N, C-alpha and C. Protein backbone atom coordinates (compact mmCIF):
# COMPACT_ATOMS: atom_id res chain seq x y z
N MET A 1 35.74 -62.56 -17.35
CA MET A 1 36.54 -63.32 -16.43
C MET A 1 35.99 -64.81 -16.30
N TYR A 2 34.70 -64.83 -16.15
CA TYR A 2 33.96 -66.09 -15.93
C TYR A 2 34.18 -67.06 -17.21
N LYS A 3 33.98 -66.41 -18.38
CA LYS A 3 34.09 -67.09 -19.67
C LYS A 3 35.55 -67.62 -19.85
N SER A 4 36.48 -66.95 -19.57
CA SER A 4 37.93 -67.40 -19.71
C SER A 4 38.22 -68.51 -18.74
N PHE A 5 37.66 -68.41 -17.47
CA PHE A 5 37.87 -69.46 -16.54
C PHE A 5 37.21 -70.68 -16.96
N LEU A 6 35.96 -70.56 -17.52
CA LEU A 6 35.22 -71.72 -18.08
C LEU A 6 36.04 -72.37 -19.24
N THR A 7 36.49 -71.60 -20.08
CA THR A 7 37.25 -72.08 -21.26
C THR A 7 38.51 -72.85 -20.79
N VAL A 8 39.27 -72.25 -19.86
CA VAL A 8 40.45 -72.96 -19.36
C VAL A 8 40.06 -74.24 -18.68
N LEU A 9 39.00 -74.33 -17.96
CA LEU A 9 38.49 -75.47 -17.23
C LEU A 9 38.13 -76.54 -18.25
N CYS A 10 37.44 -76.18 -19.26
CA CYS A 10 37.00 -77.14 -20.34
C CYS A 10 38.30 -77.71 -21.06
N ILE A 11 39.22 -76.93 -21.45
CA ILE A 11 40.42 -77.26 -22.11
C ILE A 11 41.20 -78.25 -21.26
N SER A 12 41.39 -77.89 -20.04
CA SER A 12 42.12 -78.78 -19.15
C SER A 12 41.46 -80.15 -18.93
N PHE A 13 40.11 -80.08 -18.84
CA PHE A 13 39.31 -81.33 -18.73
C PHE A 13 39.52 -82.22 -19.94
N ILE A 14 39.50 -81.62 -21.13
CA ILE A 14 39.63 -82.32 -22.43
C ILE A 14 41.04 -82.99 -22.44
N ILE A 15 42.06 -82.24 -22.09
CA ILE A 15 43.45 -82.74 -22.19
C ILE A 15 43.65 -83.89 -21.13
N THR A 16 43.21 -83.72 -19.95
CA THR A 16 43.39 -84.81 -19.04
C THR A 16 42.53 -86.02 -19.36
N SER A 17 41.35 -85.94 -19.94
CA SER A 17 40.58 -87.04 -20.36
C SER A 17 41.17 -87.77 -21.46
N CYS A 18 41.88 -87.14 -22.37
CA CYS A 18 42.51 -87.70 -23.52
C CYS A 18 43.75 -88.41 -23.19
N ASN A 19 44.32 -88.29 -22.04
CA ASN A 19 45.57 -88.90 -21.61
C ASN A 19 45.23 -90.35 -21.09
N ASN A 20 45.01 -91.24 -22.04
CA ASN A 20 44.62 -92.55 -21.69
C ASN A 20 45.83 -93.47 -21.78
N THR A 21 46.73 -93.40 -20.87
CA THR A 21 47.97 -94.13 -20.85
C THR A 21 47.63 -95.59 -20.51
N PRO A 22 48.09 -96.61 -21.30
CA PRO A 22 47.73 -97.92 -21.01
C PRO A 22 48.53 -98.47 -19.74
N ASN A 23 47.91 -99.36 -19.08
CA ASN A 23 48.52 -99.94 -17.90
C ASN A 23 49.62 -100.91 -18.37
N PRO A 24 50.88 -100.57 -17.93
CA PRO A 24 52.00 -101.50 -18.40
C PRO A 24 51.93 -102.91 -17.88
N PHE A 25 50.92 -103.29 -17.03
CA PHE A 25 50.88 -104.67 -16.44
C PHE A 25 49.53 -105.24 -16.75
N GLU A 26 48.70 -104.66 -17.63
CA GLU A 26 47.41 -105.22 -17.85
C GLU A 26 47.47 -106.23 -18.95
N ILE A 27 46.68 -107.34 -18.85
CA ILE A 27 46.64 -108.39 -19.88
C ILE A 27 45.20 -108.56 -20.44
N SER A 28 45.04 -108.52 -21.77
CA SER A 28 43.80 -108.81 -22.41
C SER A 28 44.14 -109.72 -23.56
N LYS A 29 43.07 -109.96 -24.37
CA LYS A 29 43.24 -110.89 -25.50
C LYS A 29 44.21 -110.34 -26.49
N GLN A 30 44.27 -108.99 -26.81
CA GLN A 30 45.08 -108.57 -27.79
C GLN A 30 46.39 -107.77 -27.30
N HIS A 31 46.49 -107.68 -26.00
CA HIS A 31 47.68 -106.92 -25.40
C HIS A 31 48.17 -107.51 -24.10
N VAL A 32 49.44 -107.39 -23.91
CA VAL A 32 50.06 -107.62 -22.66
C VAL A 32 50.87 -106.41 -22.33
N GLY A 33 50.39 -105.61 -21.35
CA GLY A 33 51.11 -104.40 -20.96
C GLY A 33 51.12 -103.40 -22.24
N LEU A 34 52.34 -103.10 -22.71
CA LEU A 34 52.52 -102.19 -23.79
C LEU A 34 52.59 -102.99 -25.20
N LEU A 35 52.67 -104.26 -25.07
CA LEU A 35 52.72 -105.08 -26.26
C LEU A 35 51.38 -105.36 -26.86
N THR A 36 51.24 -105.47 -28.13
CA THR A 36 49.96 -105.91 -28.82
C THR A 36 50.26 -107.05 -29.66
N ASP A 37 49.17 -107.67 -30.16
CA ASP A 37 49.34 -108.83 -31.00
C ASP A 37 49.98 -108.48 -32.40
N SER A 38 50.14 -107.07 -32.68
CA SER A 38 50.74 -106.74 -33.90
C SER A 38 52.05 -106.05 -33.68
N THR A 39 52.59 -106.09 -32.49
CA THR A 39 53.94 -105.57 -32.13
C THR A 39 55.01 -106.36 -32.84
N GLN A 40 55.94 -105.66 -33.51
CA GLN A 40 57.01 -106.28 -34.16
C GLN A 40 58.29 -106.34 -33.28
N VAL A 41 59.06 -107.33 -33.56
CA VAL A 41 60.34 -107.44 -32.75
C VAL A 41 61.20 -106.17 -32.69
N LYS A 42 61.21 -105.52 -33.87
CA LYS A 42 62.04 -104.28 -34.01
C LYS A 42 61.46 -103.09 -33.13
N ASP A 43 60.28 -103.27 -32.75
CA ASP A 43 59.67 -102.16 -31.89
C ASP A 43 59.94 -102.36 -30.38
N LEU A 44 60.51 -103.52 -29.99
CA LEU A 44 60.61 -103.78 -28.57
C LEU A 44 61.69 -102.73 -27.94
N LYS A 45 62.73 -102.35 -28.65
CA LYS A 45 63.70 -101.39 -28.09
C LYS A 45 62.98 -100.10 -27.70
N THR A 46 62.00 -99.65 -28.44
CA THR A 46 61.26 -98.49 -28.09
C THR A 46 60.22 -98.70 -26.96
N ILE A 47 59.49 -99.79 -27.00
CA ILE A 47 58.56 -100.09 -25.99
C ILE A 47 59.25 -100.32 -24.61
N TYR A 48 60.39 -101.00 -24.58
CA TYR A 48 61.12 -101.32 -23.43
C TYR A 48 62.32 -100.50 -23.25
N ALA A 49 62.29 -99.19 -23.62
CA ALA A 49 63.50 -98.37 -23.58
C ALA A 49 64.08 -98.29 -22.18
N ASN A 50 63.31 -98.33 -21.12
CA ASN A 50 63.76 -98.21 -19.79
C ASN A 50 64.12 -99.54 -19.14
N ASP A 51 64.02 -100.67 -19.87
CA ASP A 51 64.23 -102.03 -19.35
C ASP A 51 65.33 -102.72 -20.19
N SER A 52 65.66 -103.86 -19.79
CA SER A 52 66.70 -104.57 -20.50
C SER A 52 66.11 -105.71 -21.41
N ILE A 53 66.65 -105.78 -22.63
CA ILE A 53 66.11 -106.87 -23.59
C ILE A 53 67.28 -107.78 -23.85
N VAL A 54 67.05 -109.12 -23.62
CA VAL A 54 68.05 -110.11 -23.96
C VAL A 54 67.53 -111.02 -25.05
N LYS A 55 68.21 -111.06 -26.11
CA LYS A 55 67.79 -112.00 -27.20
C LYS A 55 68.73 -113.18 -27.31
N PHE A 56 68.17 -114.36 -27.47
CA PHE A 56 68.87 -115.60 -27.72
C PHE A 56 68.88 -115.77 -29.25
N ILE A 57 70.10 -115.66 -29.79
CA ILE A 57 70.30 -115.68 -31.26
C ILE A 57 70.82 -117.07 -31.54
N SER A 58 70.10 -117.82 -32.28
CA SER A 58 70.52 -119.17 -32.71
C SER A 58 71.21 -119.13 -33.96
N GLY A 59 72.40 -119.74 -34.00
CA GLY A 59 73.06 -119.91 -35.28
C GLY A 59 73.22 -121.35 -35.68
N ASP A 60 72.71 -122.25 -34.94
CA ASP A 60 72.85 -123.69 -35.09
C ASP A 60 71.50 -124.20 -35.51
N GLU A 61 71.50 -124.95 -36.60
CA GLU A 61 70.19 -125.51 -37.10
C GLU A 61 69.64 -126.67 -36.17
N PHE A 62 70.47 -127.12 -35.24
CA PHE A 62 70.04 -128.18 -34.31
C PHE A 62 69.31 -127.67 -33.12
N THR A 63 69.18 -126.33 -32.95
CA THR A 63 68.51 -125.74 -31.85
C THR A 63 66.90 -125.72 -31.98
N GLY A 64 66.47 -125.98 -33.18
CA GLY A 64 65.04 -125.94 -33.49
C GLY A 64 64.51 -124.56 -33.57
N ASN A 65 65.26 -123.59 -34.01
CA ASN A 65 64.93 -122.30 -34.17
C ASN A 65 64.23 -121.53 -33.10
N ILE A 66 64.61 -121.90 -31.84
CA ILE A 66 64.15 -121.12 -30.61
C ILE A 66 64.82 -119.81 -30.62
N ASN A 67 63.86 -118.82 -30.53
CA ASN A 67 64.46 -117.39 -30.61
C ASN A 67 63.77 -116.51 -29.55
N ASN A 68 63.88 -116.98 -28.29
CA ASN A 68 63.20 -116.29 -27.22
C ASN A 68 63.96 -114.93 -26.92
N ILE A 69 63.08 -114.06 -26.47
CA ILE A 69 63.55 -112.63 -26.09
C ILE A 69 63.04 -112.50 -24.67
N GLU A 70 64.02 -112.15 -23.76
CA GLU A 70 63.70 -111.93 -22.39
C GLU A 70 63.67 -110.44 -22.01
N ILE A 71 62.65 -109.98 -21.39
CA ILE A 71 62.62 -108.68 -20.89
C ILE A 71 62.79 -108.52 -19.32
N PHE A 72 63.79 -107.77 -18.93
CA PHE A 72 64.07 -107.58 -17.57
C PHE A 72 63.85 -106.14 -17.22
N GLU A 73 63.48 -105.87 -15.91
CA GLU A 73 63.47 -104.58 -15.41
C GLU A 73 64.87 -104.11 -15.23
N LYS A 74 65.24 -102.89 -15.12
CA LYS A 74 66.52 -102.32 -14.88
C LYS A 74 67.07 -102.86 -13.61
N GLY A 75 66.30 -103.20 -12.60
CA GLY A 75 66.72 -103.82 -11.33
C GLY A 75 67.12 -105.26 -11.47
N GLY A 76 66.81 -105.85 -12.59
CA GLY A 76 67.17 -107.26 -12.85
C GLY A 76 66.09 -108.27 -12.76
N LYS A 77 64.83 -107.83 -12.33
CA LYS A 77 63.77 -108.68 -12.32
C LYS A 77 63.25 -109.02 -13.68
N LYS A 78 63.09 -110.38 -13.90
CA LYS A 78 62.56 -110.84 -15.18
C LYS A 78 61.04 -110.63 -15.30
N LEU A 79 60.63 -109.97 -16.38
CA LEU A 79 59.23 -109.59 -16.64
C LEU A 79 58.46 -110.58 -17.47
N LEU A 80 59.05 -110.76 -18.68
CA LEU A 80 58.41 -111.65 -19.70
C LEU A 80 59.44 -112.39 -20.50
N THR A 81 58.97 -113.49 -21.14
CA THR A 81 59.76 -114.07 -22.22
C THR A 81 58.88 -114.14 -23.40
N LEU A 82 59.38 -113.57 -24.45
CA LEU A 82 58.63 -113.46 -25.71
C LEU A 82 59.17 -114.42 -26.82
N THR A 83 58.37 -115.00 -27.63
CA THR A 83 58.79 -115.87 -28.71
C THR A 83 58.21 -115.35 -29.90
N PRO A 84 59.01 -114.84 -30.86
CA PRO A 84 58.51 -114.32 -32.05
C PRO A 84 57.91 -115.46 -32.95
N LYS A 85 57.02 -115.08 -33.91
CA LYS A 85 56.44 -116.08 -34.74
C LYS A 85 57.56 -116.68 -35.77
N GLN A 86 58.41 -115.75 -36.22
CA GLN A 86 59.51 -116.14 -37.09
C GLN A 86 60.86 -115.93 -36.49
N ALA A 87 61.79 -116.90 -36.41
CA ALA A 87 63.09 -116.73 -35.83
C ALA A 87 63.95 -115.74 -36.66
N LEU A 88 64.80 -114.95 -35.92
CA LEU A 88 65.69 -114.09 -36.63
C LEU A 88 65.11 -113.07 -37.73
N ASP A 89 63.87 -112.65 -37.44
CA ASP A 89 63.22 -111.69 -38.34
C ASP A 89 62.67 -110.59 -37.50
N SER A 90 63.26 -109.31 -37.73
CA SER A 90 62.95 -108.22 -36.96
C SER A 90 61.58 -107.58 -37.20
N THR A 91 60.93 -108.06 -38.35
CA THR A 91 59.60 -107.61 -38.67
C THR A 91 58.58 -108.64 -38.21
N SER A 92 59.00 -109.78 -37.60
CA SER A 92 58.02 -110.67 -37.13
C SER A 92 57.26 -110.24 -35.93
N THR A 93 56.02 -110.61 -35.82
CA THR A 93 55.24 -110.25 -34.66
C THR A 93 55.51 -111.31 -33.52
N ILE A 94 55.00 -110.99 -32.30
CA ILE A 94 55.26 -111.91 -31.19
C ILE A 94 54.18 -113.01 -31.32
N GLY A 95 54.57 -114.24 -31.16
CA GLY A 95 53.72 -115.39 -31.19
C GLY A 95 53.20 -115.82 -29.89
N SER A 96 54.07 -115.74 -28.78
CA SER A 96 53.64 -116.15 -27.45
C SER A 96 54.41 -115.42 -26.41
N ILE A 97 53.81 -115.20 -25.31
CA ILE A 97 54.41 -114.51 -24.24
C ILE A 97 54.27 -115.31 -22.97
N ARG A 98 55.46 -115.55 -22.22
CA ARG A 98 55.27 -116.25 -21.00
C ARG A 98 55.43 -115.03 -19.93
N ILE A 99 54.35 -115.06 -19.06
CA ILE A 99 54.17 -114.08 -18.05
C ILE A 99 54.99 -114.53 -16.76
N LEU A 100 55.95 -113.74 -16.40
CA LEU A 100 56.87 -114.18 -15.26
C LEU A 100 56.61 -113.31 -14.08
N ASP A 101 56.25 -112.00 -14.25
CA ASP A 101 56.12 -111.11 -13.14
C ASP A 101 54.59 -111.12 -12.63
N GLU A 102 54.41 -111.22 -11.35
CA GLU A 102 53.13 -111.34 -10.79
C GLU A 102 52.28 -110.01 -10.89
N ARG A 103 52.90 -108.95 -11.28
CA ARG A 103 52.20 -107.67 -11.48
C ARG A 103 51.38 -107.66 -12.78
N PHE A 104 51.68 -108.52 -13.68
CA PHE A 104 50.86 -108.60 -14.89
C PHE A 104 49.60 -109.28 -14.51
N LYS A 105 48.34 -108.76 -14.81
CA LYS A 105 47.24 -109.36 -14.52
C LYS A 105 46.10 -108.99 -15.51
N THR A 106 45.14 -109.99 -15.56
CA THR A 106 43.96 -109.81 -16.45
C THR A 106 42.98 -108.78 -15.71
N GLU A 107 41.94 -108.49 -16.44
CA GLU A 107 40.97 -107.59 -15.81
C GLU A 107 40.24 -108.24 -14.58
N ASN A 108 40.34 -109.59 -14.64
CA ASN A 108 39.80 -110.38 -13.48
C ASN A 108 40.87 -110.82 -12.47
N ASN A 109 41.95 -110.06 -12.51
CA ASN A 109 43.01 -110.27 -11.53
C ASN A 109 43.73 -111.67 -11.60
N ILE A 110 43.73 -112.27 -12.79
CA ILE A 110 44.48 -113.55 -12.85
C ILE A 110 45.97 -113.16 -13.13
N THR A 111 46.80 -113.77 -12.32
CA THR A 111 48.27 -113.52 -12.48
C THR A 111 49.02 -114.88 -12.48
N SER A 112 50.28 -114.77 -12.58
CA SER A 112 51.16 -116.02 -12.47
C SER A 112 51.07 -116.65 -11.09
N LEU A 113 50.56 -115.99 -10.11
CA LEU A 113 50.37 -116.59 -8.71
C LEU A 113 48.99 -117.11 -8.59
N SER A 114 48.18 -117.16 -9.55
CA SER A 114 46.81 -117.66 -9.42
C SER A 114 46.68 -119.07 -9.18
N THR A 115 45.49 -119.53 -8.77
CA THR A 115 45.23 -120.95 -8.60
C THR A 115 44.18 -121.32 -9.63
N PHE A 116 43.86 -122.61 -9.79
CA PHE A 116 42.89 -123.17 -10.69
C PHE A 116 41.58 -122.60 -10.42
N LYS A 117 41.23 -122.44 -9.10
CA LYS A 117 40.00 -121.91 -8.67
C LYS A 117 39.77 -120.43 -9.25
N ASP A 118 40.86 -119.64 -9.15
CA ASP A 118 40.80 -118.33 -9.72
C ASP A 118 40.44 -118.25 -11.14
N ILE A 119 41.05 -119.27 -11.90
CA ILE A 119 40.91 -119.27 -13.37
C ILE A 119 39.44 -119.66 -13.73
N LYS A 120 39.05 -120.76 -13.02
CA LYS A 120 37.63 -121.29 -13.45
C LYS A 120 36.54 -120.41 -12.98
N GLU A 121 36.81 -119.64 -11.95
CA GLU A 121 35.65 -118.64 -11.51
C GLU A 121 35.68 -117.41 -12.36
N ASN A 122 36.71 -117.03 -13.06
CA ASN A 122 36.73 -115.89 -13.78
C ASN A 122 36.68 -116.06 -15.29
N HIS A 123 37.00 -117.30 -15.77
CA HIS A 123 37.00 -117.49 -17.25
C HIS A 123 36.42 -118.83 -17.63
N LYS A 124 35.99 -118.95 -18.85
CA LYS A 124 35.42 -120.20 -19.39
C LYS A 124 36.64 -121.00 -19.76
N ILE A 125 36.74 -122.27 -19.27
CA ILE A 125 37.80 -123.21 -19.55
C ILE A 125 37.52 -123.70 -21.00
N SER A 126 38.37 -123.55 -21.98
CA SER A 126 38.17 -123.97 -23.28
C SER A 126 38.57 -125.45 -23.48
N ARG A 127 39.66 -125.83 -22.87
CA ARG A 127 40.18 -127.16 -23.02
C ARG A 127 41.31 -127.43 -21.90
N ILE A 128 41.46 -128.72 -21.61
CA ILE A 128 42.47 -129.26 -20.65
C ILE A 128 43.31 -130.29 -21.41
N SER A 129 44.53 -130.02 -21.58
CA SER A 129 45.39 -131.04 -22.23
C SER A 129 46.23 -131.85 -21.13
N ASN A 130 46.37 -133.08 -21.40
CA ASN A 130 46.94 -133.98 -20.51
C ASN A 130 48.42 -134.23 -21.10
N LEU A 131 49.48 -133.74 -20.38
CA LEU A 131 50.95 -133.91 -20.81
C LEU A 131 51.53 -134.87 -19.86
N ILE A 132 52.80 -135.24 -20.07
CA ILE A 132 53.48 -136.15 -19.30
C ILE A 132 53.64 -135.73 -17.80
N ASN A 133 54.11 -134.49 -17.57
CA ASN A 133 54.29 -134.02 -16.18
C ASN A 133 53.39 -132.86 -15.80
N SER A 134 52.44 -132.47 -16.65
CA SER A 134 51.65 -131.36 -16.31
C SER A 134 50.37 -131.40 -17.16
N ILE A 135 49.49 -130.56 -16.85
CA ILE A 135 48.26 -130.30 -17.66
C ILE A 135 48.31 -128.95 -18.02
N VAL A 136 47.61 -128.62 -19.23
CA VAL A 136 47.62 -127.22 -19.67
C VAL A 136 46.04 -126.92 -19.77
N VAL A 137 45.80 -125.77 -19.13
CA VAL A 137 44.40 -125.32 -19.17
C VAL A 137 44.33 -124.21 -20.18
N GLY A 138 43.50 -124.33 -21.20
CA GLY A 138 43.42 -123.30 -22.28
C GLY A 138 42.14 -122.37 -21.97
N VAL A 139 42.35 -121.14 -22.06
CA VAL A 139 41.29 -120.08 -21.95
C VAL A 139 41.26 -119.28 -23.25
N ASP A 140 40.44 -119.55 -24.19
CA ASP A 140 40.42 -118.86 -25.52
C ASP A 140 39.97 -117.37 -25.31
N GLN A 141 39.13 -117.15 -24.27
CA GLN A 141 38.62 -115.83 -24.08
C GLN A 141 39.75 -114.77 -24.03
N ILE A 142 40.93 -115.12 -23.52
CA ILE A 142 42.02 -114.27 -23.42
C ILE A 142 43.28 -114.77 -24.06
N ASN A 143 43.14 -115.84 -24.92
CA ASN A 143 44.31 -116.41 -25.59
C ASN A 143 45.28 -116.92 -24.68
N ALA A 144 44.93 -117.50 -23.58
CA ALA A 144 45.91 -117.82 -22.41
C ALA A 144 45.93 -119.36 -22.31
N SER A 145 47.07 -119.86 -21.84
CA SER A 145 47.33 -121.18 -21.40
C SER A 145 47.98 -121.13 -20.10
N PHE A 146 47.51 -121.99 -19.15
CA PHE A 146 48.05 -122.14 -17.82
C PHE A 146 48.51 -123.54 -17.65
N THR A 147 49.74 -123.71 -17.29
CA THR A 147 50.30 -125.00 -17.04
C THR A 147 50.35 -125.24 -15.51
N ILE A 148 49.75 -126.44 -15.19
CA ILE A 148 49.69 -126.88 -13.79
C ILE A 148 50.41 -128.13 -13.57
N ASP A 149 51.44 -128.23 -12.77
CA ASP A 149 52.26 -129.40 -12.57
C ASP A 149 51.35 -130.53 -12.01
N LYS A 150 51.59 -131.75 -12.46
CA LYS A 150 50.75 -132.86 -12.13
C LYS A 150 50.97 -133.21 -10.54
N ASN A 151 51.96 -132.73 -9.98
CA ASN A 151 52.20 -132.85 -8.54
C ASN A 151 51.19 -132.18 -7.78
N GLU A 152 50.48 -131.20 -8.38
CA GLU A 152 49.31 -130.45 -7.76
C GLU A 152 48.10 -131.30 -7.69
N LEU A 153 47.98 -132.43 -8.42
CA LEU A 153 46.84 -133.25 -8.60
C LEU A 153 46.80 -134.34 -7.62
N PRO A 154 45.64 -135.00 -7.38
CA PRO A 154 45.64 -136.18 -6.58
C PRO A 154 46.46 -137.25 -7.20
N SER A 155 47.02 -138.12 -6.38
CA SER A 155 48.11 -139.09 -6.83
C SER A 155 47.44 -140.08 -7.90
N ASN A 156 46.11 -140.41 -7.81
CA ASN A 156 45.52 -141.31 -8.72
C ASN A 156 45.32 -140.71 -10.07
N LEU A 157 45.53 -139.45 -10.34
CA LEU A 157 45.31 -138.77 -11.68
C LEU A 157 46.70 -138.40 -12.27
N ARG A 158 47.80 -138.66 -11.68
CA ARG A 158 49.10 -138.13 -12.17
C ARG A 158 49.68 -138.91 -13.22
N PHE A 159 49.35 -140.24 -13.38
CA PHE A 159 50.12 -141.13 -14.22
C PHE A 159 49.26 -141.65 -15.44
N ASP A 160 48.00 -141.37 -15.52
CA ASP A 160 47.12 -141.94 -16.61
C ASP A 160 47.22 -140.92 -17.73
N MET A 161 47.98 -141.25 -18.74
CA MET A 161 48.20 -140.36 -19.90
C MET A 161 46.90 -140.41 -20.84
N ASN A 162 45.99 -141.32 -20.63
CA ASN A 162 44.82 -141.42 -21.44
C ASN A 162 43.65 -140.75 -20.82
N LEU A 163 43.83 -140.25 -19.64
CA LEU A 163 42.68 -139.61 -18.81
C LEU A 163 42.29 -138.25 -19.51
N LYS A 164 41.04 -138.12 -19.72
CA LYS A 164 40.51 -136.86 -20.35
C LYS A 164 40.12 -135.95 -19.06
N PHE A 165 40.97 -135.01 -18.85
CA PHE A 165 40.69 -134.19 -17.70
C PHE A 165 39.48 -133.28 -17.77
N GLU A 166 38.76 -133.19 -16.69
CA GLU A 166 37.63 -132.29 -16.69
C GLU A 166 38.00 -131.27 -15.46
N PRO A 167 37.36 -130.14 -15.48
CA PRO A 167 37.66 -129.16 -14.41
C PRO A 167 37.46 -129.68 -13.04
N THR A 168 36.50 -130.68 -12.92
CA THR A 168 36.29 -131.23 -11.53
C THR A 168 37.43 -132.12 -11.00
N HIS A 169 38.36 -132.52 -11.93
CA HIS A 169 39.47 -133.36 -11.52
C HIS A 169 40.57 -132.51 -10.85
N ILE A 170 40.57 -131.23 -11.11
CA ILE A 170 41.71 -130.31 -10.68
C ILE A 170 41.31 -129.72 -9.38
N PRO A 171 42.11 -129.78 -8.32
CA PRO A 171 41.90 -129.15 -7.13
C PRO A 171 41.83 -127.67 -7.23
N ASP A 172 40.97 -126.99 -6.46
CA ASP A 172 40.84 -125.52 -6.47
C ASP A 172 42.15 -124.85 -6.17
N ASN A 173 42.95 -125.43 -5.23
CA ASN A 173 44.16 -124.81 -4.78
C ASN A 173 45.29 -125.20 -5.53
N ALA A 174 45.11 -125.77 -6.77
CA ALA A 174 46.35 -126.15 -7.64
C ALA A 174 46.94 -124.89 -8.15
N LYS A 175 48.28 -124.71 -8.01
CA LYS A 175 48.89 -123.44 -8.46
C LYS A 175 49.29 -123.47 -9.85
N VAL A 176 49.25 -122.31 -10.47
CA VAL A 176 49.70 -122.12 -11.93
C VAL A 176 51.25 -122.15 -11.83
N LYS A 177 51.78 -123.11 -12.71
CA LYS A 177 53.29 -123.07 -12.81
C LYS A 177 53.84 -122.10 -13.91
N TYR A 178 53.11 -122.16 -15.04
CA TYR A 178 53.47 -121.20 -16.21
C TYR A 178 52.16 -120.58 -16.69
N PHE A 179 52.34 -119.34 -17.16
CA PHE A 179 51.13 -118.57 -17.62
C PHE A 179 51.60 -117.97 -18.99
N PHE A 180 50.85 -118.39 -20.03
CA PHE A 180 51.28 -117.94 -21.42
C PHE A 180 50.09 -117.19 -22.09
N ILE A 181 50.41 -116.28 -22.80
CA ILE A 181 49.42 -115.63 -23.78
C ILE A 181 49.95 -116.00 -25.21
N ASN A 182 49.00 -116.58 -25.99
CA ASN A 182 49.44 -117.08 -27.31
C ASN A 182 48.77 -116.25 -28.41
N TRP A 183 49.56 -115.84 -29.37
CA TRP A 183 49.05 -115.10 -30.48
C TRP A 183 49.39 -115.81 -31.70
N ASN A 184 49.51 -117.03 -31.82
CA ASN A 184 49.96 -117.75 -32.93
C ASN A 184 48.84 -118.04 -33.94
N HIS A 185 47.62 -117.59 -33.61
CA HIS A 185 46.43 -117.95 -34.47
C HIS A 185 46.56 -117.18 -35.79
């Protein structure tokens, strides 16, 4: 009796420890939720079987081949915007992902609601790009880009397009406007 109980206990332990279901809202360098850097467009229907997928199909050469795919929860909340590497190709992998839902987070709890302070305390800043209306903070450690509106910056830094931004120029409480994961490398 003792041996059969021990056998059943060992088997159940093995079965439960092998059930390593990925977190559908976890972000790392090679995955966002259930998506990986090798996920193909044709696999999205299987991955998001319980959600809604909206594809923008371009038939006009003047649109610049934008081929975004939006993922919505069944309740209508927008989760992600995906951009395939190749337009109109079902075997293309995903090139970039815009994180829209705040439940998606890195292992260091960086979300679309994070501030610059959260980013710099948890990741090494790889680069800061100065754009017309925003700055883009790159974090190669997780293939991420964070866009911060220049309205979040001190007024003396907003209009100088030649300024090379350093992390000390950006206020800690500057909010992230857009959060992207880039797999275009």
